[in-house]
């Protein structure tokens, strides 16, 4: 059974991962509505990935004999000024998530819960990848300077970053 402080912190992280999923879903919807289908598919996939991160934590809490709590959903913004602004927000969000994961690991060390520290190492490594990915995307967007023709090419490149084929929306 997890110590109360660790269980509480893990449930808070579950809530953050759920919000991340909802945030990327809202951003994907905005991108799709504005004709950035490659970016939308990339963000839809990332939304699913964040939900998987949440479920991994959820199962871990329950598997340890504690109680994972379904968080209440905070509604993310639904309108964005540009693809650039979307990725700037994502990058800042991922840096915040990294900080929260580090704080969670710190709590586990304080509580001498080394099993959970070990479990969380996957999240630590994942956040390095996430920050690098979104930092690189922002670097590319900065090079484009808002040129619409280049944004079209950027959007096509975003499609290539998805692992699943785009969903058929003609049904």
C-alpha atoms as a PDB file:
ATOM      1  CA  UNK A   1       0.000   0.000   0.000  1.00  0.00           C
ATOM      2  CA  UNK A   2       1.244   3.458  -0.894  1.00  0.00           C
ATOM      3  CA  UNK A   3       1.874   6.016   1.796  1.00  0.00           C
ATOM      4  CA  UNK A   4      -0.844   8.664   1.921  1.00  0.00           C
ATOM      5  CA  UNK A   5       1.436  11.477   0.721  1.00  0.00           C
ATOM      6  CA  UNK A   6       2.614   9.423  -2.281  1.00  0.00           C
ATOM      7  CA  UNK A   7      -0.930   8.335  -3.165  1.00  0.00           C
ATOM      8  CA  UNK A   8      -2.114  11.958  -3.059  1.00  0.00           C
ATOM      9  CA  UNK A   9       0.784  13.114  -5.258  1.00  0.00           C
ATOM     10  CA  UNK A  10       0.201  10.307  -7.762  1.00  0.00           C
ATOM     11  CA  UNK A  11      -3.498  11.204  -7.975  1.00  0.00           C
ATOM     12  CA  UNK A  12      -2.503  14.813  -8.624  1.00  0.00           C
ATOM     13  CA  UNK A  13      -0.266  13.616 -11.450  1.00  0.00           C
ATOM     14  CA  UNK A  14      -3.151  11.556 -12.835  1.00  0.00           C
ATOM     15  CA  UNK A  15      -5.155  14.786 -12.979  1.00  0.00           C
ATOM     16  CA  UNK A  16      -2.321  16.577 -14.807  1.00  0.00           C
ATOM     17  CA  UNK A  17      -1.986  13.777 -17.352  1.00  0.00           C
ATOM     18  CA  UNK A  18      -5.734  13.842 -17.973  1.00  0.00           C
ATOM     19  CA  UNK A  19      -5.619  17.601 -18.496  1.00  0.00           C
ATOM     20  CA  UNK A  20      -2.709  17.159 -20.913  1.00  0.00           C
ATOM     21  CA  UNK A  21      -4.830  14.748 -22.931  1.00  0.00           C
ATOM     22  CA  UNK A  22      -7.759  17.180 -22.970  1.00  0.00           C
ATOM     23  CA  UNK A  23      -5.479  20.105 -23.861  1.00  0.00           C
ATOM     24  CA  UNK A  24      -4.026  18.296 -26.871  1.00  0.00           C
ATOM     25  CA  UNK A  25      -7.502  17.191 -27.907  1.00  0.00           C
ATOM     26  CA  UNK A  26      -8.731  20.808 -27.859  1.00  0.00           C
ATOM     27  CA  UNK A  27      -5.666  21.913 -29.815  1.00  0.00           C
ATOM     28  CA  UNK A  28      -6.172  19.105 -32.344  1.00  0.00           C
ATOM     29  CA  UNK A  29      -9.765  20.187 -32.876  1.00  0.00           C
ATOM     30  CA  UNK A  30      -8.668  23.797 -33.428  1.00  0.00           C
ATOM     31  CA  UNK A  31      -5.957  22.690 -35.885  1.00  0.00           C
ATOM     32  CA  UNK A  32      -8.371  20.490 -37.819  1.00  0.00           C
ATOM     33  CA  UNK A  33     -10.984  23.248 -37.965  1.00  0.00           C
ATOM     34  CA  UNK A  34      -8.345  25.615 -39.355  1.00  0.00           C
ATOM     35  CA  UNK A  35      -7.090  23.280 -42.074  1.00  0.00           C
ATOM     36  CA  UNK A  36      -3.951  22.000 -40.365  1.00  0.00           C
ATOM     37  CA  UNK A  37      -4.821  18.325 -40.712  1.00  0.00           C
ATOM     38  CA  UNK A  38      -1.263  17.034 -40.270  1.00  0.00           C
ATOM     39  CA  UNK A  39      -0.872  19.011 -37.062  1.00  0.00           C
ATOM     40  CA  UNK A  40      -4.335  17.876 -35.946  1.00  0.00           C
ATOM     41  CA  UNK A  41      -3.504  14.197 -36.463  1.00  0.00           C
ATOM     42  CA  UNK A  42      -0.223  14.652 -34.596  1.00  0.00           C
ATOM     43  CA  UNK A  43      -2.072  16.285 -31.678  1.00  0.00           C
ATOM     44  CA  UNK A  44      -4.896  13.703 -31.665  1.00  0.00           C
ATOM     45  CA  UNK A  45      -2.245  11.009 -31.365  1.00  0.00           C
ATOM     46  CA  UNK A  46      -0.505  12.929 -28.604  1.00  0.00           C
ATOM     47  CA  UNK A  47      -3.811  13.306 -26.772  1.00  0.00           C
ATOM     48  CA  UNK A  48      -4.175   9.513 -26.808  1.00  0.00           C
ATOM     49  CA  UNK A  49      -0.590   9.142 -25.598  1.00  0.00           C
ATOM     50  CA  UNK A  50      -1.240  11.444 -22.632  1.00  0.00           C
ATOM     51  CA  UNK A  51      -4.319   9.405 -21.730  1.00  0.00           C
ATOM     52  CA  UNK A  52      -2.138   6.286 -21.785  1.00  0.00           C
ATOM     53  CA  UNK A  53       0.270   8.025 -19.397  1.00  0.00           C
ATOM     54  CA  UNK A  54      -2.664   8.748 -17.096  1.00  0.00           C
ATOM     55  CA  UNK A  55      -3.872   5.141 -17.224  1.00  0.00           C
ATOM     56  CA  UNK A  56      -0.387   3.804 -16.497  1.00  0.00           C
ATOM     57  CA  UNK A  57      -0.358   5.870 -13.284  1.00  0.00           C
ATOM     58  CA  UNK A  58      -3.956   4.899 -12.550  1.00  0.00           C
ATOM     59  CA  UNK A  59      -3.206   1.183 -12.716  1.00  0.00           C
ATOM     60  CA  UNK A  60       0.002   1.580 -10.714  1.00  0.00           C
ATOM     61  CA  UNK A  61      -1.850   3.269  -7.833  1.00  0.00           C
ATOM     62  CA  UNK A  62      -4.517   0.565  -7.768  1.00  0.00           C
ATOM     63  CA  UNK A  63      -1.981  -2.251  -8.195  1.00  0.00           C
ATOM     64  CA  UNK A  64      -0.166  -0.980  -5.110  1.00  0.00           C
ATOM     65  CA  UNK A  65      -3.335  -1.404  -3.045  1.00  0.00           C
ATOM     66  CA  UNK A  66      -4.261   2.261  -3.022  1.00  0.00           C
ATOM     67  CA  UNK A  67      -7.067   4.115  -4.771  1.00  0.00           C
ATOM     68  CA  UNK A  68      -6.678   5.987  -8.056  1.00  0.00           C
ATOM     69  CA  UNK A  69      -9.263   8.738  -8.306  1.00  0.00           C
ATOM     70  CA  UNK A  70     -10.917   9.806 -11.562  1.00  0.00           C
ATOM     71  CA  UNK A  71     -10.177  13.526 -11.743  1.00  0.00           C
ATOM     72  CA  UNK A  72     -12.679  16.189 -12.611  1.00  0.00           C
ATOM     73  CA  UNK A  73     -11.920  17.620 -16.035  1.00  0.00           C
ATOM     74  CA  UNK A  74     -10.765  21.188 -16.369  1.00  0.00           C
ATOM     75  CA  UNK A  75     -11.835  22.585 -19.729  1.00  0.00           C
ATOM     76  CA  UNK A  76      -8.879  23.771 -21.825  1.00  0.00           C
ATOM     77  CA  UNK A  77      -8.997  26.743 -24.184  1.00  0.00           C
ATOM     78  CA  UNK A  78     -10.567  25.988 -27.550  1.00  0.00           C
ATOM     79  CA  UNK A  79      -9.273  28.884 -29.659  1.00  0.00           C
ATOM     80  CA  UNK A  80      -5.676  29.628 -30.564  1.00  0.00           C
ATOM     81  CA  UNK A  81      -4.082  32.437 -32.561  1.00  0.00           C
ATOM     82  CA  UNK A  82      -1.719  30.273 -34.592  1.00  0.00           C
ATOM     83  CA  UNK A  83       0.035  26.930 -34.857  1.00  0.00           C
ATOM     84  CA  UNK A  84       3.083  28.690 -33.415  1.00  0.00           C
ATOM     85  CA  UNK A  85       1.072  29.694 -30.312  1.00  0.00           C
ATOM     86  CA  UNK A  86      -0.238  26.131 -29.950  1.00  0.00           C
ATOM     87  CA  UNK A  87       3.270  24.706 -29.843  1.00  0.00           C
ATOM     88  CA  UNK A  88       4.564  27.466 -27.577  1.00  0.00           C
ATOM     89  CA  UNK A  89       1.811  26.573 -25.097  1.00  0.00           C
ATOM     90  CA  UNK A  90       2.550  22.864 -25.408  1.00  0.00           C
ATOM     91  CA  UNK A  91       6.252  23.421 -24.801  1.00  0.00           C
ATOM     92  CA  UNK A  92       5.571  25.453 -21.649  1.00  0.00           C
ATOM     93  CA  UNK A  93       3.033  22.858 -20.521  1.00  0.00           C
ATOM     94  CA  UNK A  94       5.525  20.013 -20.972  1.00  0.00           C
ATOM     95  CA  UNK A  95       8.175  21.896 -18.997  1.00  0.00           C
ATOM     96  CA  UNK A  96       5.629  22.296 -16.178  1.00  0.00           C
ATOM     97  CA  UNK A  97       4.806  18.567 -16.334  1.00  0.00           C
ATOM     98  CA  UNK A  98       8.523  17.777 -16.093  1.00  0.00           C
ATOM     99  CA  UNK A  99       8.782  19.906 -12.968  1.00  0.00           C
ATOM    100  CA  UNK A 100       5.756  18.151 -11.442  1.00  0.00           C
ATOM    101  CA  UNK A 101       7.245  14.718 -12.201  1.00  0.00           C
ATOM    102  CA  UNK A 102      10.499  15.806 -10.542  1.00  0.00           C
ATOM    103  CA  UNK A 103       8.565  17.010  -7.483  1.00  0.00           C
ATOM    104  CA  UNK A 104       6.712  13.688  -7.380  1.00  0.00           C
ATOM    105  CA  UNK A 105       9.998  11.778  -7.473  1.00  0.00           C
ATOM    106  CA  UNK A 106      11.238  14.018  -4.651  1.00  0.00           C
ATOM    107  CA  UNK A 107       8.187  13.174  -2.531  1.00  0.00           C
ATOM    108  CA  UNK A 108       8.829   9.478  -3.117  1.00  0.00           C
ATOM    109  CA  UNK A 109      12.437   9.859  -1.988  1.00  0.00           C
ATOM    110  CA  UNK A 110      11.282  11.735   1.129  1.00  0.00           C
ATOM    111  CA  UNK A 111       8.830   8.934   1.886  1.00  0.00           C
ATOM    112  CA  UNK A 112      11.457   6.269   1.083  1.00  0.00           C
ATOM    113  CA  UNK A 113       9.163   4.755  -1.547  1.00  0.00           C
ATOM    114  CA  UNK A 114      11.876   3.499  -3.864  1.00  0.00           C
ATOM    115  CA  UNK A 115       9.501   1.219  -5.754  1.00  0.00           C
ATOM    116  CA  UNK A 116       7.554   4.254  -6.931  1.00  0.00           C
ATOM    117  CA  UNK A 117      10.793   6.133  -7.643  1.00  0.00           C
ATOM    118  CA  UNK A 118      11.745   3.258  -9.924  1.00  0.00           C
ATOM    119  CA  UNK A 119       8.308   3.275 -11.585  1.00  0.00           C
ATOM    120  CA  UNK A 120       8.524   7.032 -12.189  1.00  0.00           C
ATOM    121  CA  UNK A 121      11.851   6.812 -14.016  1.00  0.00           C
ATOM    122  CA  UNK A 122       9.910   6.023 -17.177  1.00  0.00           C
ATOM    123  CA  UNK A 123       8.083   9.364 -16.790  1.00  0.00           C
ATOM    124  CA  UNK A 124      11.343  11.219 -16.174  1.00  0.00           C
ATOM    125  CA  UNK A 125      12.779   9.828 -19.430  1.00  0.00           C
ATOM    126  CA  UNK A 126       9.524  10.473 -21.290  1.00  0.00           C
ATOM    127  CA  UNK A 127       9.563  14.133 -20.269  1.00  0.00           C
ATOM    128  CA  UNK A 128      13.065  14.572 -21.651  1.00  0.00           C
ATOM    129  CA  UNK A 129      11.753  13.242 -24.975  1.00  0.00           C
ATOM    130  CA  UNK A 130       8.642  15.447 -24.840  1.00  0.00           C
ATOM    131  CA  UNK A 131      10.553  18.647 -24.131  1.00  0.00           C
ATOM    132  CA  UNK A 132      13.049  17.835 -26.869  1.00  0.00           C
ATOM    133  CA  UNK A 133      10.296  17.046 -29.395  1.00  0.00           C
ATOM    134  CA  UNK A 134       8.308  20.210 -28.772  1.00  0.00           C
ATOM    135  CA  UNK A 135      11.424  22.365 -28.525  1.00  0.00           C
ATOM    136  CA  UNK A 136      12.506  21.062 -31.939  1.00  0.00           C
ATOM    137  CA  UNK A 137       9.061  21.719 -33.422  1.00  0.00           C
ATOM    138  CA  UNK A 138       9.190  25.279 -32.092  1.00  0.00           C
ATOM    139  CA  UNK A 139      12.661  25.770 -33.562  1.00  0.00           C
ATOM    140  CA  UNK A 140      11.309  24.725 -36.971  1.00  0.00           C
ATOM    141  CA  UNK A 141       8.307  27.031 -36.657  1.00  0.00           C
ATOM    142  CA  UNK A 142      10.591  29.921 -35.747  1.00  0.00           C
ATOM    143  CA  UNK A 143      12.580  29.303 -38.935  1.00  0.00           C
ATOM    144  CA  UNK A 144       9.406  29.563 -41.032  1.00  0.00           C
ATOM    145  CA  UNK A 145       8.532  33.051 -39.852  1.00  0.00           C
ATOM    146  CA  UNK A 146       4.807  32.595 -40.493  1.00  0.00           C
ATOM    147  CA  UNK A 147       5.141  32.080 -44.267  1.00  0.00           C
ATOM    148  CA  UNK A 148       1.894  30.389 -45.378  1.00  0.00           C
ATOM    149  CA  UNK A 149       3.484  28.220 -48.083  1.00  0.00           C
ATOM    150  CA  UNK A 150       6.084  27.031 -45.603  1.00  0.00           C
ATOM    151  CA  UNK A 151       3.324  26.383 -43.033  1.00  0.00           C
ATOM    152  CA  UNK A 152       1.685  24.073 -45.565  1.00  0.00           C
ATOM    153  CA  UNK A 153       4.930  22.106 -45.836  1.00  0.00           C
ATOM    154  CA  UNK A 154       5.302  22.141 -42.041  1.00  0.00           C
ATOM    155  CA  UNK A 155       1.793  20.718 -41.644  1.00  0.00           C
ATOM    156  CA  UNK A 156       2.631  17.922 -44.096  1.00  0.00           C
ATOM    157  CA  UNK A 157       5.767  17.147 -42.073  1.00  0.00           C
ATOM    158  CA  UNK A 158       3.687  16.970 -38.874  1.00  0.00           C
ATOM    159  CA  UNK A 159       1.590  14.265 -40.515  1.00  0.00           C
ATOM    160  CA  UNK A 160       4.758  12.202 -40.942  1.00  0.00           C
ATOM    161  CA  UNK A 161       5.413  12.367 -37.182  1.00  0.00           C
ATOM    162  CA  UNK A 162       2.257  10.388 -36.452  1.00  0.00           C
ATOM    163  CA  UNK A 163       2.564   6.640 -36.099  1.00  0.00           C
ATOM    164  CA  UNK A 164      -0.998   5.772 -37.056  1.00  0.00           C
ATOM    165  CA  UNK A 165      -2.637   6.538 -40.392  1.00  0.00           C
ATOM    166  CA  UNK A 166      -5.063   9.481 -40.257  1.00  0.00           C
ATOM    167  CA  UNK A 167      -8.557   8.467 -39.272  1.00  0.00           C
ATOM    168  CA  UNK A 168     -11.219   8.358 -41.945  1.00  0.00           C
ATOM    169  CA  UNK A 169     -13.650  11.145 -41.118  1.00  0.00           C
ATOM    170  CA  UNK A 170     -15.903  10.453 -44.120  1.00  0.00           C
ATOM    171  CA  UNK A 171     -18.047   7.938 -42.230  1.00  0.00           C
END
